[in-house]
Amino acid sequence: MTSFREMLLLSLYEEVLGRLGGLTCRDGTLIASIGKMKLALPAELEQSLRPLIGQKVAILRTDIPDKQYLFRVLDQAPISEKNASLPEAP
């Protein structure tokens, strides 16, 4: 079992990226497995993060009141000429 010393606690404006492998709750802390890392998060994020298991995500810690952590799903689709936002070459 992972000890709390082996878990990553994000600093302000630190972000972690990777595939969300699973979530467990222990002693009021949510433990997110992201790649090979174990990330300690507030337990209240569990309901929002659980549907994202298996997807590549980014989790950012902020100092925004009521939004201490922001997260997003990273698009896996490669950028191609068809979906690139740059203007086409002449």
N, C-alpha and C. Protein backbone atom coordinates (compact mmCIF):
# COMPACT_ATOMS: atom_id res chain seq x y z
N MET A 1 0.84 -1.19 0.00
CA MET A 1 0.00 0.00 0.00
C MET A 1 0.88 1.25 0.00
N THR A 2 0.45 2.26 -0.70
CA THR A 2 1.21 3.51 -0.81
C THR A 2 1.07 4.31 0.48
N SER A 3 2.20 4.80 1.00
CA SER A 3 2.14 5.66 2.18
C SER A 3 1.94 7.10 1.73
N PHE A 4 1.48 7.93 2.64
CA PHE A 4 1.25 9.33 2.29
C PHE A 4 2.55 10.02 1.88
N ARG A 5 3.68 9.54 2.36
CA ARG A 5 4.96 10.13 1.99
C ARG A 5 5.32 9.88 0.53
N GLU A 6 4.77 8.81 -0.05
CA GLU A 6 5.06 8.46 -1.43
C GLU A 6 4.11 9.14 -2.42
N MET A 7 3.17 9.93 -1.92
CA MET A 7 2.20 10.59 -2.79
C MET A 7 2.65 12.00 -3.14
N LEU A 8 2.23 12.42 -4.31
CA LEU A 8 2.54 13.77 -4.78
C LEU A 8 1.45 14.73 -4.32
N LEU A 9 1.85 15.84 -3.72
CA LEU A 9 0.95 16.94 -3.39
C LEU A 9 1.33 18.09 -4.31
N LEU A 10 0.42 18.53 -5.14
CA LEU A 10 0.72 19.61 -6.08
C LEU A 10 0.93 20.93 -5.35
N SER A 11 1.91 21.68 -5.80
CA SER A 11 2.11 23.06 -5.33
C SER A 11 1.19 23.96 -6.14
N LEU A 12 1.04 25.21 -5.71
CA LEU A 12 0.21 26.15 -6.47
C LEU A 12 0.70 26.25 -7.91
N TYR A 13 -0.23 26.16 -8.82
CA TYR A 13 -0.01 26.24 -10.26
C TYR A 13 0.91 25.16 -10.80
N GLU A 14 1.00 24.06 -10.08
CA GLU A 14 1.69 22.87 -10.58
C GLU A 14 0.63 21.99 -11.24
N GLU A 15 1.01 21.36 -12.34
CA GLU A 15 0.07 20.53 -13.10
C GLU A 15 0.67 19.16 -13.32
N VAL A 16 -0.19 18.16 -13.32
CA VAL A 16 0.24 16.80 -13.63
C VAL A 16 -0.60 16.32 -14.82
N LEU A 17 0.07 15.61 -15.74
CA LEU A 17 -0.58 15.09 -16.94
C LEU A 17 -0.36 13.60 -17.00
N GLY A 18 -1.37 12.86 -17.45
CA GLY A 18 -1.21 11.44 -17.64
C GLY A 18 -2.55 10.72 -17.66
N ARG A 19 -2.49 9.42 -17.89
CA ARG A 19 -3.70 8.60 -17.91
C ARG A 19 -4.17 8.35 -16.48
N LEU A 20 -5.44 8.64 -16.23
CA LEU A 20 -6.03 8.40 -14.91
C LEU A 20 -6.37 6.92 -14.80
N GLY A 21 -5.57 6.22 -14.01
CA GLY A 21 -5.72 4.77 -13.90
C GLY A 21 -6.74 4.32 -12.88
N GLY A 22 -6.95 5.09 -11.83
CA GLY A 22 -7.90 4.70 -10.80
C GLY A 22 -7.94 5.70 -9.67
N LEU A 23 -8.97 5.54 -8.83
CA LEU A 23 -9.17 6.42 -7.68
C LEU A 23 -9.46 5.56 -6.45
N THR A 24 -8.86 5.94 -5.32
CA THR A 24 -9.18 5.30 -4.05
C THR A 24 -9.27 6.40 -3.00
N CYS A 25 -10.08 6.16 -1.99
CA CYS A 25 -10.22 7.12 -0.89
C CYS A 25 -9.61 6.49 0.35
N ARG A 26 -8.76 7.26 1.05
CA ARG A 26 -8.14 6.76 2.27
C ARG A 26 -7.98 7.90 3.26
N ASP A 27 -8.51 7.72 4.43
CA ASP A 27 -8.40 8.71 5.51
C ASP A 27 -8.81 10.11 5.06
N GLY A 28 -9.90 10.20 4.28
CA GLY A 28 -10.41 11.48 3.83
C GLY A 28 -9.65 12.11 2.68
N THR A 29 -8.73 11.37 2.08
CA THR A 29 -7.95 11.87 0.95
C THR A 29 -8.22 11.01 -0.27
N LEU A 30 -8.42 11.63 -1.40
CA LEU A 30 -8.59 10.93 -2.66
C LEU A 30 -7.20 10.69 -3.25
N ILE A 31 -6.92 9.45 -3.62
CA ILE A 31 -5.64 9.11 -4.21
C ILE A 31 -5.90 8.75 -5.67
N ALA A 32 -5.35 9.56 -6.57
CA ALA A 32 -5.51 9.34 -8.00
C ALA A 32 -4.23 8.73 -8.56
N SER A 33 -4.37 7.61 -9.26
CA SER A 33 -3.23 6.99 -9.94
C SER A 33 -3.17 7.59 -11.34
N ILE A 34 -2.11 8.36 -11.59
CA ILE A 34 -1.93 9.00 -12.88
C ILE A 34 -0.57 8.55 -13.40
N GLY A 35 -0.59 7.72 -14.42
CA GLY A 35 0.65 7.12 -14.88
C GLY A 35 1.24 6.30 -13.75
N LYS A 36 2.50 6.54 -13.41
CA LYS A 36 3.16 5.84 -12.31
C LYS A 36 3.07 6.61 -10.99
N MET A 37 2.42 7.77 -11.01
CA MET A 37 2.33 8.62 -9.82
C MET A 37 1.06 8.35 -9.02
N LYS A 38 1.14 8.65 -7.75
CA LYS A 38 -0.02 8.66 -6.85
C LYS A 38 -0.18 10.10 -6.41
N LEU A 39 -1.32 10.70 -6.74
CA LEU A 39 -1.58 12.10 -6.47
C LEU A 39 -2.62 12.22 -5.37
N ALA A 40 -2.32 12.98 -4.31
CA ALA A 40 -3.26 13.22 -3.22
C ALA A 40 -4.13 14.42 -3.57
N LEU A 41 -5.44 14.22 -3.50
CA LEU A 41 -6.42 15.25 -3.85
C LEU A 41 -7.52 15.30 -2.80
N PRO A 42 -8.29 16.40 -2.77
CA PRO A 42 -9.44 16.46 -1.87
C PRO A 42 -10.48 15.40 -2.25
N ALA A 43 -11.05 14.74 -1.26
CA ALA A 43 -12.02 13.67 -1.50
C ALA A 43 -13.24 14.14 -2.29
N GLU A 44 -13.59 15.41 -2.20
CA GLU A 44 -14.79 15.89 -2.90
C GLU A 44 -14.64 15.90 -4.42
N LEU A 45 -13.45 15.66 -4.95
CA LEU A 45 -13.25 15.59 -6.40
C LEU A 45 -13.59 14.22 -6.98
N GLU A 46 -13.85 13.24 -6.13
CA GLU A 46 -14.05 11.87 -6.61
C GLU A 46 -15.18 11.75 -7.63
N GLN A 47 -16.34 12.32 -7.35
CA GLN A 47 -17.48 12.19 -8.27
C GLN A 47 -17.18 12.82 -9.63
N SER A 48 -16.42 13.89 -9.66
CA SER A 48 -16.10 14.54 -10.93
C SER A 48 -15.04 13.78 -11.71
N LEU A 49 -14.08 13.18 -11.00
CA LEU A 49 -12.98 12.49 -11.66
C LEU A 49 -13.30 11.04 -12.05
N ARG A 50 -14.19 10.38 -11.32
CA ARG A 50 -14.46 8.96 -11.57
C ARG A 50 -14.84 8.67 -13.03
N PRO A 51 -15.68 9.48 -13.69
CA PRO A 51 -16.01 9.19 -15.10
C PRO A 51 -14.81 9.32 -16.05
N LEU A 52 -13.72 9.91 -15.59
CA LEU A 52 -12.57 10.14 -16.45
C LEU A 52 -11.52 9.03 -16.36
N ILE A 53 -11.77 8.00 -15.55
CA ILE A 53 -10.81 6.90 -15.42
C ILE A 53 -10.58 6.29 -16.80
N GLY A 54 -9.31 6.09 -17.12
CA GLY A 54 -8.92 5.53 -18.40
C GLY A 54 -8.57 6.58 -19.44
N GLN A 55 -8.87 7.83 -19.15
CA GLN A 55 -8.58 8.90 -20.10
C GLN A 55 -7.33 9.67 -19.69
N LYS A 56 -6.70 10.31 -20.67
CA LYS A 56 -5.55 11.16 -20.38
C LYS A 56 -6.07 12.50 -19.88
N VAL A 57 -5.61 12.90 -18.69
CA VAL A 57 -6.12 14.11 -18.04
C VAL A 57 -4.97 15.03 -17.62
N ALA A 58 -5.33 16.27 -17.36
CA ALA A 58 -4.42 17.24 -16.74
C ALA A 58 -5.12 17.78 -15.51
N ILE A 59 -4.40 17.81 -14.38
CA ILE A 59 -4.96 18.34 -13.13
C ILE A 59 -4.04 19.45 -12.66
N LEU A 60 -4.61 20.63 -12.43
CA LEU A 60 -3.87 21.84 -12.06
C LEU A 60 -4.37 22.33 -10.71
N ARG A 61 -3.44 22.65 -9.80
CA ARG A 61 -3.81 23.24 -8.52
C ARG A 61 -3.74 24.76 -8.66
N THR A 62 -4.76 25.46 -8.16
CA THR A 62 -4.82 26.92 -8.27
C THR A 62 -5.05 27.54 -6.90
N ASP A 63 -5.04 28.86 -6.88
CA ASP A 63 -5.41 29.59 -5.66
C ASP A 63 -6.76 30.27 -5.83
N ILE A 64 -7.55 29.81 -6.79
CA ILE A 64 -8.88 30.37 -7.05
C ILE A 64 -9.85 29.85 -5.98
N PRO A 65 -10.51 30.75 -5.27
CA PRO A 65 -11.48 30.30 -4.26
C PRO A 65 -12.54 29.40 -4.91
N ASP A 66 -12.90 28.33 -4.24
CA ASP A 66 -13.89 27.35 -4.70
C ASP A 66 -13.46 26.57 -5.94
N LYS A 67 -12.25 26.77 -6.44
CA LYS A 67 -11.73 26.00 -7.58
C LYS A 67 -10.26 25.71 -7.33
N GLN A 68 -9.99 25.04 -6.22
CA GLN A 68 -8.62 24.77 -5.84
C GLN A 68 -7.91 23.88 -6.86
N TYR A 69 -8.68 23.00 -7.52
CA TYR A 69 -8.13 22.12 -8.54
C TYR A 69 -8.98 22.22 -9.79
N LEU A 70 -8.32 22.36 -10.94
CA LEU A 70 -8.99 22.34 -12.23
C LEU A 70 -8.50 21.11 -12.97
N PHE A 71 -9.38 20.49 -13.74
CA PHE A 71 -8.94 19.34 -14.52
C PHE A 71 -9.60 19.36 -15.88
N ARG A 72 -8.94 18.70 -16.84
CA ARG A 72 -9.46 18.63 -18.20
C ARG A 72 -9.01 17.33 -18.83
N VAL A 73 -9.76 16.89 -19.81
CA VAL A 73 -9.40 15.71 -20.59
C VAL A 73 -8.55 16.19 -21.75
N LEU A 74 -7.43 15.52 -21.97
CA LEU A 74 -6.54 15.88 -23.07
C LEU A 74 -6.97 15.10 -24.31
N ASP A 75 -7.12 15.81 -25.41
CA ASP A 75 -7.55 15.21 -26.67
C ASP A 75 -6.46 14.28 -27.18
N GLN A 76 -6.85 13.09 -27.56
CA GLN A 76 -5.90 12.11 -28.08
C GLN A 76 -5.74 12.20 -29.59
N ALA A 77 -6.63 12.93 -30.26
CA ALA A 77 -6.59 12.98 -31.72
C ALA A 77 -5.36 13.76 -32.20
N PRO A 78 -4.64 13.19 -33.16
CA PRO A 78 -3.48 13.92 -33.69
C PRO A 78 -3.93 15.13 -34.49
N ILE A 79 -3.12 16.16 -34.48
CA ILE A 79 -3.43 17.35 -35.27
C ILE A 79 -3.11 17.05 -36.73
N SER A 80 -4.08 17.27 -37.59
CA SER A 80 -3.88 17.06 -39.02
C SER A 80 -4.20 18.36 -39.74
N GLU A 81 -3.95 18.37 -41.00
CA GLU A 81 -4.25 19.59 -41.77
C GLU A 81 -5.74 19.88 -41.74
N LYS A 82 -6.58 18.85 -41.63
CA LYS A 82 -8.02 19.05 -41.64
C LYS A 82 -8.52 19.72 -40.35
N ASN A 83 -7.94 19.40 -39.19
CA ASN A 83 -8.46 19.97 -37.95
C ASN A 83 -7.50 20.97 -37.31
N ALA A 84 -6.43 21.35 -37.99
CA ALA A 84 -5.52 22.35 -37.46
C ALA A 84 -6.18 23.72 -37.53
N SER A 85 -5.85 24.56 -36.57
CA SER A 85 -6.46 25.90 -36.55
C SER A 85 -5.61 26.92 -37.30
N LEU A 86 -4.53 26.50 -37.90
CA LEU A 86 -3.68 27.42 -38.67
C LEU A 86 -4.23 27.58 -40.07
N PRO A 87 -4.05 28.75 -40.68
CA PRO A 87 -4.53 28.93 -42.05
C PRO A 87 -3.77 28.02 -43.00
N GLU A 88 -4.47 27.63 -44.06
CA GLU A 88 -3.84 26.75 -45.05
C GLU A 88 -2.78 27.49 -45.85
N ALA A 89 -1.75 26.78 -46.22
CA ALA A 89 -0.69 27.38 -47.06
C ALA A 89 -1.21 27.59 -48.46
N PRO A 90 -0.76 28.64 -49.16
CA PRO A 90 -1.26 28.92 -50.53
C PRO A 90 -0.83 27.88 -51.53
